[in-house]
Amino acid sequence: MILITGHVILTPEHGERMIAFGAEHSARSRGEPGCLAQHCHIDAVPRQAGDGSAYECLTFVEEWESVDAVRAHFALPASRAFVADMRPLSPQPPAIRIYAAEDITAKLMG
C-alpha cells in the first residue's frame, strides 16, 4: 500500500476556497482506480510559525493500492490543476510525503 500525507497552509482570505478545492479533490480521487481512501481535514490544532504566529492547515491522508495507481493519479489533468489552483493561495507550496506502507494492525492489536 502507498500512503500519502500532505498539507497546505490556509489563509484567511482564501481559506473557504481552499477547503472547497480540497474537498472536491478528495471526492474526485476516491473514484479513481487504486484509491483505497482519500481524506481532507482541517487540523484541529493550529501550527506555530517561527515568528510565534499561528496558522491553520488543510491536511490530506491518502491510501493507494500501488505506485502505478499513484502515478496515474498524479498524471490526471484534474490532479495537476488542483495543485496549480491551490499553490498561489497559500504562502508556502503544499507539502507532500509518500510512503510504502504495510498494515500491521493485526500484529499490534492482536
PDB file of N, CA and C in Angstrom:
ATOM      1  N   MET A   1       0.850  -1.174   0.000  1.00  0.00           N
ATOM      2  CA  MET A   1       0.000   0.000   0.000  1.00  0.00           C
ATOM      3  C   MET A   1       0.897   1.239   0.000  1.00  0.00           C
ATOM      4  N   ILE A   2       0.439   2.266  -0.660  1.00  0.00           N
ATOM      5  CA  ILE A   2       1.119   3.545  -0.675  1.00  0.00           C
ATOM      6  C   ILE A   2       0.313   4.515   0.183  1.00  0.00           C
ATOM      7  N   LEU A   3       0.993   5.173   1.101  1.00  0.00           N
ATOM      8  CA  LEU A   3       0.370   6.156   1.990  1.00  0.00           C
ATOM      9  C   LEU A   3       0.933   7.526   1.634  1.00  0.00           C
ATOM     10  N   ILE A   4       0.054   8.479   1.439  1.00  0.00           N
ATOM     11  CA  ILE A   4       0.461   9.847   1.135  1.00  0.00           C
ATOM     12  C   ILE A   4      -0.101  10.763   2.213  1.00  0.00           C
ATOM     13  N   THR A   5       0.756  11.615   2.751  1.00  0.00           N
ATOM     14  CA  THR A   5       0.307  12.657   3.662  1.00  0.00           C
ATOM     15  C   THR A   5       0.750  13.999   3.090  1.00  0.00           C
ATOM     16  N   GLY A   6      -0.026  15.001   3.340  1.00  0.00           N
ATOM     17  CA  GLY A   6       0.340  16.327   2.859  1.00  0.00           C
ATOM     18  C   GLY A   6      -0.479  17.387   3.547  1.00  0.00           C
ATOM     19  N   HIS A   7      -0.014  18.616   3.406  1.00  0.00           N
ATOM     20  CA  HIS A   7      -0.792  19.729   3.955  1.00  0.00           C
ATOM     21  C   HIS A   7      -0.480  20.999   3.177  1.00  0.00           C
ATOM     22  N   VAL A   8      -1.404  21.934   3.308  1.00  0.00           N
ATOM     23  CA  VAL A   8      -1.235  23.263   2.740  1.00  0.00           C
ATOM     24  C   VAL A   8      -1.717  24.259   3.783  1.00  0.00           C
ATOM     25  N   ILE A   9      -1.018  25.380   3.880  1.00  0.00           N
ATOM     26  CA  ILE A   9      -1.387  26.413   4.850  1.00  0.00           C
ATOM     27  C   ILE A   9      -2.614  27.156   4.346  1.00  0.00           C
ATOM     28  N   LEU A  10      -3.625  27.237   5.202  1.00  0.00           N
ATOM     29  CA  LEU A  10      -4.831  28.000   4.881  1.00  0.00           C
ATOM     30  C   LEU A  10      -4.596  29.476   5.190  1.00  0.00           C
ATOM     31  N   THR A  11      -5.108  30.322   4.349  1.00  0.00           N
ATOM     32  CA  THR A  11      -5.006  31.756   4.586  1.00  0.00           C
ATOM     33  C   THR A  11      -6.405  32.316   4.837  1.00  0.00           C
ATOM     34  N   PRO A  12      -6.522  33.327   5.685  1.00  0.00           N
ATOM     35  CA  PRO A  12      -7.843  33.882   5.994  1.00  0.00           C
ATOM     36  C   PRO A  12      -8.606  34.338   4.746  1.00  0.00           C
ATOM     37  N   GLU A  13      -7.903  34.947   3.809  1.00  0.00           N
ATOM     38  CA  GLU A  13      -8.585  35.477   2.635  1.00  0.00           C
ATOM     39  C   GLU A  13      -8.999  34.406   1.620  1.00  0.00           C
ATOM     40  N   HIS A  14      -8.366  33.223   1.670  1.00  0.00           N
ATOM     41  CA  HIS A  14      -8.673  32.182   0.685  1.00  0.00           C
ATOM     42  C   HIS A  14      -9.114  30.865   1.315  1.00  0.00           C
ATOM     43  N   GLY A  15      -9.225  30.821   2.646  1.00  0.00           N
ATOM     44  CA  GLY A  15      -9.490  29.570   3.345  1.00  0.00           C
ATOM     45  C   GLY A  15     -10.694  28.803   2.850  1.00  0.00           C
ATOM     46  N   GLU A  16     -11.827  29.463   2.695  1.00  0.00           N
ATOM     47  CA  GLU A  16     -13.037  28.760   2.255  1.00  0.00           C
ATOM     48  C   GLU A  16     -12.865  28.174   0.859  1.00  0.00           C
ATOM     49  N   ARG A  17     -12.239  28.936  -0.010  1.00  0.00           N
ATOM     50  CA  ARG A  17     -11.991  28.456  -1.375  1.00  0.00           C
ATOM     51  C   ARG A  17     -11.040  27.258  -1.356  1.00  0.00           C
ATOM     52  N   MET A  18     -10.005  27.322  -0.522  1.00  0.00           N
ATOM     53  CA  MET A  18      -9.034  26.232  -0.427  1.00  0.00           C
ATOM     54  C   MET A  18      -9.688  24.961   0.114  1.00  0.00           C
ATOM     55  N   ILE A  19     -10.546  25.110   1.110  1.00  0.00           N
ATOM     56  CA  ILE A  19     -11.259  23.952   1.665  1.00  0.00           C
ATOM     57  C   ILE A  19     -12.158  23.339   0.600  1.00  0.00           C
ATOM     58  N   ALA A  20     -12.824  24.160  -0.180  1.00  0.00           N
ATOM     59  CA  ALA A  20     -13.672  23.649  -1.263  1.00  0.00           C
ATOM     60  C   ALA A  20     -12.840  22.901  -2.305  1.00  0.00           C
ATOM     61  N   PHE A  21     -11.677  23.460  -2.683  1.00  0.00           N
ATOM     62  CA  PHE A  21     -10.779  22.764  -3.614  1.00  0.00           C
ATOM     63  C   PHE A  21     -10.364  21.409  -3.051  1.00  0.00           C
ATOM     64  N   GLY A  22     -10.001  21.380  -1.764  1.00  0.00           N
ATOM     65  CA  GLY A  22      -9.563  20.133  -1.132  1.00  0.00           C
ATOM     66  C   GLY A  22     -10.664  19.089  -1.085  1.00  0.00           C
ATOM     67  N   ALA A  23     -11.871  19.510  -0.728  1.00  0.00           N
ATOM     68  CA  ALA A  23     -13.000  18.579  -0.663  1.00  0.00           C
ATOM     69  C   ALA A  23     -13.329  18.028  -2.051  1.00  0.00           C
ATOM     70  N   GLU A  24     -13.301  18.900  -3.040  1.00  0.00           N
ATOM     71  CA  GLU A  24     -13.571  18.465  -4.415  1.00  0.00           C
ATOM     72  C   GLU A  24     -12.507  17.468  -4.883  1.00  0.00           C
ATOM     73  N   HIS A  25     -11.250  17.762  -4.606  1.00  0.00           N
ATOM     74  CA  HIS A  25     -10.146  16.877  -4.996  1.00  0.00           C
ATOM     75  C   HIS A  25     -10.287  15.510  -4.321  1.00  0.00           C
ATOM     76  N   SER A  26     -10.603  15.495  -3.036  1.00  0.00           N
ATOM     77  CA  SER A  26     -10.759  14.231  -2.316  1.00  0.00           C
ATOM     78  C   SER A  26     -11.914  13.411  -2.879  1.00  0.00           C
ATOM     79  N   ALA A  27     -13.032  14.047  -3.117  1.00  0.00           N
ATOM     80  CA  ALA A  27     -14.197  13.335  -3.644  1.00  0.00           C
ATOM     81  C   ALA A  27     -13.888  12.745  -5.020  1.00  0.00           C
ATOM     82  N   ARG A  28     -13.221  13.504  -5.864  1.00  0.00           N
ATOM     83  CA  ARG A  28     -12.871  13.026  -7.200  1.00  0.00           C
ATOM     84  C   ARG A  28     -11.873  11.864  -7.117  1.00  0.00           C
ATOM     85  N   SER A  29     -10.878  12.006  -6.250  1.00  0.00           N
ATOM     86  CA  SER A  29      -9.844  10.981  -6.128  1.00  0.00           C
ATOM     87  C   SER A  29     -10.406   9.651  -5.651  1.00  0.00           C
ATOM     88  N   ARG A  30     -11.403   9.689  -4.793  1.00  0.00           N
ATOM     89  CA  ARG A  30     -11.997   8.445  -4.262  1.00  0.00           C
ATOM     90  C   ARG A  30     -12.553   7.550  -5.361  1.00  0.00           C
ATOM     91  N   GLY A  31     -12.908   8.131  -6.488  1.00  0.00           N
ATOM     92  CA  GLY A  31     -13.452   7.342  -7.587  1.00  0.00           C
ATOM     93  C   GLY A  31     -12.406   6.807  -8.549  1.00  0.00           C
ATOM     94  N   GLU A  32     -11.142   7.116  -8.317  1.00  0.00           N
ATOM     95  CA  GLU A  32     -10.090   6.682  -9.229  1.00  0.00           C
ATOM     96  C   GLU A  32      -9.677   5.234  -8.955  1.00  0.00           C
ATOM     97  N   PRO A  33      -9.286   4.518 -10.008  1.00  0.00           N
ATOM     98  CA  PRO A  33      -8.794   3.151  -9.816  1.00  0.00           C
ATOM     99  C   PRO A  33      -7.593   3.128  -8.867  1.00  0.00           C
ATOM    100  N   GLY A  34      -7.618   2.230  -7.902  1.00  0.00           N
ATOM    101  CA  GLY A  34      -6.499   2.066  -6.983  1.00  0.00           C
ATOM    102  C   GLY A  34      -6.563   2.937  -5.752  1.00  0.00           C
ATOM    103  N   CYS A  35      -7.526   3.845  -5.656  1.00  0.00           N
ATOM    104  CA  CYS A  35      -7.657   4.682  -4.465  1.00  0.00           C
ATOM    105  C   CYS A  35      -8.405   3.898  -3.395  1.00  0.00           C
ATOM    106  N   LEU A  36      -7.741   3.656  -2.278  1.00  0.00           N
ATOM    107  CA  LEU A  36      -8.365   2.943  -1.163  1.00  0.00           C
ATOM    108  C   LEU A  36      -9.028   3.907  -0.188  1.00  0.00           C
ATOM    109  N   ALA A  37      -8.457   5.096  -0.052  1.00  0.00           N
ATOM    110  CA  ALA A  37      -9.010   6.124   0.843  1.00  0.00           C
ATOM    111  C   ALA A  37      -8.387   7.462   0.474  1.00  0.00           C
ATOM    112  N   GLN A  38      -9.155   8.513   0.647  1.00  0.00           N
ATOM    113  CA  GLN A  38      -8.682   9.879   0.367  1.00  0.00           C
ATOM    114  C   GLN A  38      -9.436  10.791   1.323  1.00  0.00           C
ATOM    115  N   HIS A  39      -8.699  11.413   2.254  1.00  0.00           N
ATOM    116  CA  HIS A  39      -9.325  12.242   3.278  1.00  0.00           C
ATOM    117  C   HIS A  39      -8.724  13.639   3.287  1.00  0.00           C
ATOM    118  N   CYS A  40      -9.565  14.608   3.536  1.00  0.00           N
ATOM    119  CA  CYS A  40      -9.164  16.010   3.607  1.00  0.00           C
ATOM    120  C   CYS A  40      -9.680  16.552   4.942  1.00  0.00           C
ATOM    121  N   HIS A  41      -8.765  17.072   5.786  1.00  0.00           N
ATOM    122  CA  HIS A  41      -9.125  17.525   7.133  1.00  0.00           C
ATOM    123  C   HIS A  41      -8.567  18.918   7.401  1.00  0.00           C
ATOM    124  N   ILE A  42      -9.254  19.644   8.245  1.00  0.00           N
ATOM    125  CA  ILE A  42      -8.702  20.877   8.797  1.00  0.00           C
ATOM    126  C   ILE A  42      -8.074  20.489  10.126  1.00  0.00           C
ATOM    127  N   ASP A  43      -6.795  20.801  10.318  1.00  0.00           N
ATOM    128  CA  ASP A  43      -6.125  20.467  11.577  1.00  0.00           C
ATOM    129  C   ASP A  43      -6.864  21.090  12.749  1.00  0.00           C
ATOM    130  N   ALA A  44      -7.038  20.313  13.802  1.00  0.00           N
ATOM    131  CA  ALA A  44      -7.744  20.796  14.987  1.00  0.00           C
ATOM    132  C   ALA A  44      -6.906  21.763  15.813  1.00  0.00           C
ATOM    133  N   VAL A  45      -5.589  21.649  15.705  1.00  0.00           N
ATOM    134  CA  VAL A  45      -4.683  22.495  16.480  1.00  0.00           C
ATOM    135  C   VAL A  45      -3.846  23.323  15.515  1.00  0.00           C
ATOM    136  N   PRO A  46      -3.961  24.646  15.582  1.00  0.00           N
ATOM    137  CA  PRO A  46      -3.133  25.478  14.699  1.00  0.00           C
ATOM    138  C   PRO A  46      -1.648  25.227  14.932  1.00  0.00           C
ATOM    139  N   ARG A  47      -0.868  25.330  13.881  1.00  0.00           N
ATOM    140  CA  ARG A  47       0.587  25.164  13.973  1.00  0.00           C
ATOM    141  C   ARG A  47       1.234  26.504  14.281  1.00  0.00           C
ATOM    142  N   GLN A  48       2.425  26.459  14.825  1.00  0.00           N
ATOM    143  CA  GLN A  48       3.146  27.669  15.194  1.00  0.00           C
ATOM    144  C   GLN A  48       4.233  27.964  14.164  1.00  0.00           C
ATOM    145  N   ALA A  49       4.231  29.165  13.664  1.00  0.00           N
ATOM    146  CA  ALA A  49       5.275  29.619  12.745  1.00  0.00           C
ATOM    147  C   ALA A  49       6.495  30.048  13.559  1.00  0.00           C
ATOM    148  N   GLY A  50       7.611  30.216  12.891  1.00  0.00           N
ATOM    149  CA  GLY A  50       8.845  30.628  13.543  1.00  0.00           C
ATOM    150  C   GLY A  50       8.734  31.961  14.259  1.00  0.00           C
ATOM    151  N   ASP A  51       7.826  32.818  13.788  1.00  0.00           N
ATOM    152  CA  ASP A  51       7.663  34.131  14.418  1.00  0.00           C
ATOM    153  C   ASP A  51       6.650  34.106  15.571  1.00  0.00           C
ATOM    154  N   GLY A  52       6.159  32.909  15.912  1.00  0.00           N
ATOM    155  CA  GLY A  52       5.214  32.778  17.014  1.00  0.00           C
ATOM    156  C   GLY A  52       3.758  32.879  16.601  1.00  0.00           C
ATOM    157  N   SER A  53       3.503  33.243  15.365  1.00  0.00           N
ATOM    158  CA  SER A  53       2.114  33.326  14.912  1.00  0.00           C
ATOM    159  C   SER A  53       1.571  31.922  14.644  1.00  0.00           C
ATOM    160  N   ALA A  54       0.270  31.809  14.654  1.00  0.00           N
ATOM    161  CA  ALA A  54      -0.387  30.517  14.425  1.00  0.00           C
ATOM    162  C   ALA A  54      -1.017  30.508  13.039  1.00  0.00           C
ATOM    163  N   TYR A  55      -1.068  29.328  12.461  1.00  0.00           N
ATOM    164  CA  TYR A  55      -1.737  29.186  11.174  1.00  0.00           C
ATOM    165  C   TYR A  55      -2.444  27.836  11.109  1.00  0.00           C
ATOM    166  N   GLU A  56      -3.492  27.766  10.316  1.00  0.00           N
ATOM    167  CA  GLU A  56      -4.249  26.537  10.134  1.00  0.00           C
ATOM    168  C   GLU A  56      -3.799  25.852   8.861  1.00  0.00           C
ATOM    169  N   CYS A  57      -3.936  24.526   8.858  1.00  0.00           N
ATOM    170  CA  CYS A  57      -3.565  23.740   7.683  1.00  0.00           C
ATOM    171  C   CYS A  57      -4.725  22.859   7.243  1.00  0.00           C
ATOM    172  N   LEU A  58      -4.774  22.644   5.961  1.00  0.00           N
ATOM    173  CA  LEU A  58      -5.639  21.644   5.363  1.00  0.00           C
ATOM    174  C   LEU A  58      -4.749  20.420   5.154  1.00  0.00           C
ATOM    175  N   THR A  59      -5.116  19.303   5.760  1.00  0.00           N
ATOM    176  CA  THR A  59      -4.288  18.106   5.748  1.00  0.00           C
ATOM    177  C   THR A  59      -4.949  17.005   4.933  1.00  0.00           C
ATOM    178  N   PHE A  60      -4.126  16.305   4.165  1.00  0.00           N
ATOM    179  CA  PHE A  60      -4.604  15.206   3.318  1.00  0.00           C
ATOM    180  C   PHE A  60      -3.945  13.907   3.758  1.00  0.00           C
ATOM    181  N   VAL A  61      -4.737  12.836   3.814  1.00  0.00           N
ATOM    182  CA  VAL A  61      -4.239  11.497   4.087  1.00  0.00           C
ATOM    183  C   VAL A  61      -4.862  10.593   3.020  1.00  0.00           C
ATOM    184  N   GLU A  62      -3.989   9.914   2.279  1.00  0.00           N
ATOM    185  CA  GLU A  62      -4.447   9.087   1.161  1.00  0.00           C
ATOM    186  C   GLU A  62      -3.850   7.690   1.259  1.00  0.00           C
ATOM    187  N   GLU A  63      -4.611   6.692   0.828  1.00  0.00           N
ATOM    188  CA  GLU A  63      -4.125   5.314   0.728  1.00  0.00           C
ATOM    189  C   GLU A  63      -4.391   4.835  -0.693  1.00  0.00           C
ATOM    190  N   TRP A  64      -3.349   4.256  -1.304  1.00  0.00           N
ATOM    191  CA  TRP A  64      -3.432   3.779  -2.681  1.00  0.00           C
ATOM    192  C   TRP A  64      -2.936   2.344  -2.766  1.00  0.00           C
ATOM    193  N   GLU A  65      -3.491   1.591  -3.717  1.00  0.00           N
ATOM    194  CA  GLU A  65      -3.105   0.194  -3.886  1.00  0.00           C
ATOM    195  C   GLU A  65      -1.662   0.023  -4.327  1.00  0.00           C
ATOM    196  N   SER A  66      -1.161   0.940  -5.179  1.00  0.00           N
ATOM    197  CA  SER A  66       0.154   0.723  -5.785  1.00  0.00           C
ATOM    198  C   SER A  66       0.786   2.036  -6.237  1.00  0.00           C
ATOM    199  N   VAL A  67       2.063   1.954  -6.522  1.00  0.00           N
ATOM    200  CA  VAL A  67       2.790   3.095  -7.078  1.00  0.00           C
ATOM    201  C   VAL A  67       2.191   3.471  -8.430  1.00  0.00           C
ATOM    202  N   ASP A  68       1.819   2.486  -9.225  1.00  0.00           N
ATOM    203  CA  ASP A  68       1.224   2.772 -10.539  1.00  0.00           C
ATOM    204  C   ASP A  68      -0.081   3.564 -10.397  1.00  0.00           C
ATOM    205  N   ALA A  69      -0.884   3.228  -9.388  1.00  0.00           N
ATOM    206  CA  ALA A  69      -2.135   3.966  -9.169  1.00  0.00           C
ATOM    207  C   ALA A  69      -1.838   5.419  -8.792  1.00  0.00           C
ATOM    208  N   VAL A  70      -0.797   5.639  -7.984  1.00  0.00           N
ATOM    209  CA  VAL A  70      -0.410   6.998  -7.592  1.00  0.00           C
ATOM    210  C   VAL A  70       0.099   7.767  -8.809  1.00  0.00           C
ATOM    211  N   ARG A  71       0.925   7.122  -9.608  1.00  0.00           N
ATOM    212  CA  ARG A  71       1.429   7.785 -10.820  1.00  0.00           C
ATOM    213  C   ARG A  71       0.275   8.192 -11.734  1.00  0.00           C
ATOM    214  N   ALA A  72      -0.698   7.301 -11.902  1.00  0.00           N
ATOM    215  CA  ALA A  72      -1.867   7.613 -12.745  1.00  0.00           C
ATOM    216  C   ALA A  72      -2.644   8.786 -12.151  1.00  0.00           C
ATOM    217  N   HIS A  73      -2.783   8.812 -10.840  1.00  0.00           N
ATOM    218  CA  HIS A  73      -3.480   9.900 -10.151  1.00  0.00           C
ATOM    219  C   HIS A  73      -2.780  11.235 -10.396  1.00  0.00           C
ATOM    220  N   PHE A  74      -1.461  11.260 -10.201  1.00  0.00           N
ATOM    221  CA  PHE A  74      -0.702  12.494 -10.395  1.00  0.00           C
ATOM    222  C   PHE A  74      -0.688  12.954 -11.847  1.00  0.00           C
ATOM    223  N   ALA A  75      -0.859  12.021 -12.785  1.00  0.00           N
ATOM    224  CA  ALA A  75      -0.829  12.362 -14.215  1.00  0.00           C
ATOM    225  C   ALA A  75      -2.135  12.965 -14.717  1.00  0.00           C
ATOM    226  N   LEU A  76      -3.208  12.810 -13.954  1.00  0.00           N
ATOM    227  CA  LEU A  76      -4.501  13.335 -14.396  1.00  0.00           C
ATOM    228  C   LEU A  76      -4.487  14.863 -14.459  1.00  0.00           C
ATOM    229  N   PRO A  77      -5.061  15.427 -15.513  1.00  0.00           N
ATOM    230  CA  PRO A  77      -5.144  16.895 -15.585  1.00  0.00           C
ATOM    231  C   PRO A  77      -5.819  17.504 -14.361  1.00  0.00           C
ATOM    232  N   ALA A  78      -6.836  16.850 -13.818  1.00  0.00           N
ATOM    233  CA  ALA A  78      -7.537  17.393 -12.644  1.00  0.00           C
ATOM    234  C   ALA A  78      -6.621  17.451 -11.420  1.00  0.00           C
ATOM    235  N   SER A  79      -5.745  16.472 -11.264  1.00  0.00           N
ATOM    236  CA  SER A  79      -4.808  16.489 -10.136  1.00  0.00           C
ATOM    237  C   SER A  79      -3.778  17.599 -10.302  1.00  0.00           C
ATOM    238  N   ARG A  80      -3.271  17.757 -11.502  1.00  0.00           N
ATOM    239  CA  ARG A  80      -2.308  18.836 -11.755  1.00  0.00           C
ATOM    240  C   ARG A  80      -2.977  20.201 -11.570  1.00  0.00           C
ATOM    241  N   ALA A  81      -4.229  20.328 -12.004  1.00  0.00           N
ATOM    242  CA  ALA A  81      -4.960  21.588 -11.848  1.00  0.00           C
ATOM    243  C   ALA A  81      -5.198  21.897 -10.378  1.00  0.00           C
ATOM    244  N   PHE A  82      -5.478  20.871  -9.570  1.00  0.00           N
ATOM    245  CA  PHE A  82      -5.687  21.077  -8.136  1.00  0.00           C
ATOM    246  C   PHE A  82      -4.457  21.736  -7.510  1.00  0.00           C
ATOM    247  N   VAL A  83      -3.276  21.206  -7.790  1.00  0.00           N
ATOM    248  CA  VAL A  83      -2.043  21.764  -7.235  1.00  0.00           C
ATOM    249  C   VAL A  83      -1.812  23.178  -7.772  1.00  0.00           C
ATOM    250  N   ALA A  84      -2.024  23.361  -9.063  1.00  0.00           N
ATOM    251  CA  ALA A  84      -1.825  24.682  -9.676  1.00  0.00           C
ATOM    252  C   ALA A  84      -2.789  25.717  -9.105  1.00  0.00           C
ATOM    253  N   ASP A  85      -4.024  25.314  -8.830  1.00  0.00           N
ATOM    254  CA  ASP A  85      -5.018  26.236  -8.266  1.00  0.00           C
ATOM    255  C   ASP A  85      -4.724  26.551  -6.798  1.00  0.00           C
ATOM    256  N   MET A  86      -4.243  25.563  -6.062  1.00  0.00           N
ATOM    257  CA  MET A  86      -4.008  25.718  -4.630  1.00  0.00           C
ATOM    258  C   MET A  86      -2.737  26.513  -4.342  1.00  0.00           C
ATOM    259  N   ARG A  87      -1.690  26.294  -5.104  1.00  0.00           N
ATOM    260  CA  ARG A  87      -0.365  26.872  -4.822  1.00  0.00           C
ATOM    261  C   ARG A  87      -0.383  28.390  -4.624  1.00  0.00           C
ATOM    262  N   PRO A  88      -1.017  29.187  -5.490  1.00  0.00           N
ATOM    263  CA  PRO A  88      -0.943  30.640  -5.294  1.00  0.00           C
ATOM    264  C   PRO A  88      -1.790  31.170  -4.130  1.00  0.00           C
ATOM    265  N   LEU A  89      -2.634  30.326  -3.544  1.00  0.00           N
ATOM    266  CA  LEU A  89      -3.498  30.766  -2.452  1.00  0.00           C
ATOM    267  C   LEU A  89      -2.843  30.655  -1.083  1.00  0.00           C
ATOM    268  N   SER A  90      -1.694  29.983  -1.024  1.00  0.00           N
ATOM    269  CA  SER A  90      -1.010  29.726   0.239  1.00  0.00           C
ATOM    270  C   SER A  90       0.360  30.402   0.249  1.00  0.00           C
ATOM    271  N   PRO A  91       0.845  30.794   1.427  1.00  0.00           N
ATOM    272  CA  PRO A  91       2.151  31.442   1.488  1.00  0.00           C
ATOM    273  C   PRO A  91       3.321  30.486   1.226  1.00  0.00           C
ATOM    274  N   GLN A  92       3.061  29.179   1.288  1.00  0.00           N
ATOM    275  CA  GLN A  92       4.085  28.172   1.008  1.00  0.00           C
ATOM    276  C   GLN A  92       3.496  27.113   0.087  1.00  0.00           C
ATOM    277  N   PRO A  93       4.333  26.461  -0.726  1.00  0.00           N
ATOM    278  CA  PRO A  93       3.821  25.371  -1.562  1.00  0.00           C
ATOM    279  C   PRO A  93       3.271  24.239  -0.693  1.00  0.00           C
ATOM    280  N   PRO A  94       2.329  23.465  -1.218  1.00  0.00           N
ATOM    281  CA  PRO A  94       1.840  22.302  -0.469  1.00  0.00           C
ATOM    282  C   PRO A  94       2.994  21.356  -0.135  1.00  0.00           C
ATOM    283  N   ALA A  95       2.944  20.747   1.035  1.00  0.00           N
ATOM    284  CA  ALA A  95       3.930  19.753   1.456  1.00  0.00           C
ATOM    285  C   ALA A  95       3.354  18.370   1.197  1.00  0.00           C
ATOM    286  N   ILE A  96       4.191  17.436   0.764  1.00  0.00           N
ATOM    287  CA  ILE A  96       3.723  16.083   0.497  1.00  0.00           C
ATOM    288  C   ILE A  96       4.806  15.084   0.872  1.00  0.00           C
ATOM    289  N   ARG A  97       4.379  13.949   1.422  1.00  0.00           N
ATOM    290  CA  ARG A  97       5.270  12.828   1.740  1.00  0.00           C
ATOM    291  C   ARG A  97       4.584  11.570   1.230  1.00  0.00           C
ATOM    292  N   ILE A  98       5.352  10.693   0.602  1.00  0.00           N
ATOM    293  CA  ILE A  98       4.813   9.460   0.027  1.00  0.00           C
ATOM    294  C   ILE A  98       5.585   8.287   0.613  1.00  0.00           C
ATOM    295  N   TYR A  99       4.852   7.306   1.145  1.00  0.00           N
ATOM    296  CA  TYR A  99       5.455   6.174   1.836  1.00  0.00           C
ATOM    297  C   TYR A  99       4.955   4.852   1.256  1.00  0.00           C
ATOM    298  N   ALA A 100       5.823   3.861   1.247  1.00  0.00           N
ATOM    299  CA  ALA A 100       5.406   2.474   1.036  1.00  0.00           C
ATOM    300  C   ALA A 100       5.076   1.953   2.426  1.00  0.00           C
ATOM    301  N   ALA A 101       3.862   1.480   2.632  1.00  0.00           N
ATOM    302  CA  ALA A 101       3.403   1.130   3.978  1.00  0.00           C
ATOM    303  C   ALA A 101       2.890  -0.305   4.032  1.00  0.00           C
ATOM    304  N   GLU A 102       3.001  -0.865   5.212  1.00  0.00           N
ATOM    305  CA  GLU A 102       2.472  -2.199   5.491  1.00  0.00           C
ATOM    306  C   GLU A 102       1.493  -2.059   6.640  1.00  0.00           C
ATOM    307  N   ASP A 103       0.310  -2.630   6.502  1.00  0.00           N
ATOM    308  CA  ASP A 103      -0.692  -2.589   7.559  1.00  0.00           C
ATOM    309  C   ASP A 103      -0.307  -3.624   8.618  1.00  0.00           C
ATOM    310  N   ILE A 104       0.055  -3.154   9.803  1.00  0.00           N
ATOM    311  CA  ILE A 104       0.457  -4.061  10.896  1.00  0.00           C
ATOM    312  C   ILE A 104      -0.536  -4.017  12.063  1.00  0.00           C
ATOM    313  N   THR A 105      -1.757  -3.614  11.774  1.00  0.00           N
ATOM    314  CA  THR A 105      -2.778  -3.527  12.822  1.00  0.00           C
ATOM    315  C   THR A 105      -2.937  -4.838  13.568  1.00  0.00           C
ATOM    316  N   ALA A 106      -3.066  -5.934  12.853  1.00  0.00           N
ATOM    317  CA  ALA A 106      -3.279  -7.237  13.498  1.00  0.00           C
ATOM    318  C   ALA A 106      -2.086  -7.628  14.371  1.00  0.00           C
ATOM    319  N   LYS A 107      -0.877  -7.292  13.935  1.00  0.00           N
ATOM    320  CA  LYS A 107       0.316  -7.611  14.727  1.00  0.00           C
ATOM    321  C   LYS A 107       0.331  -6.848  16.050  1.00  0.00           C
ATOM    322  N   LEU A 108      -0.112  -5.611  16.023  1.00  0.00           N
ATOM    323  CA  LEU A 108      -0.076  -4.774  17.214  1.00  0.00           C
ATOM    324  C   LEU A 108      -1.305  -4.941  18.109  1.00  0.00           C
ATOM    325  N   MET A 109      -2.437  -5.179  17.490  1.00  0.00           N
ATOM    326  CA  MET A 109      -3.691  -5.193  18.239  1.00  0.00           C
ATOM    327  C   MET A 109      -4.175  -6.605  18.555  1.00  0.00           C
ATOM    328  N   GLY A 110      -3.513  -7.601  17.982  1.00  0.00           N
ATOM    329  CA  GLY A 110      -3.852  -8.989  18.258  1.00  0.00           C
ATOM    330  C   GLY A 110      -5.031  -9.417  17.515  1.00  0.00           C
TER     331      GLY A 110
END
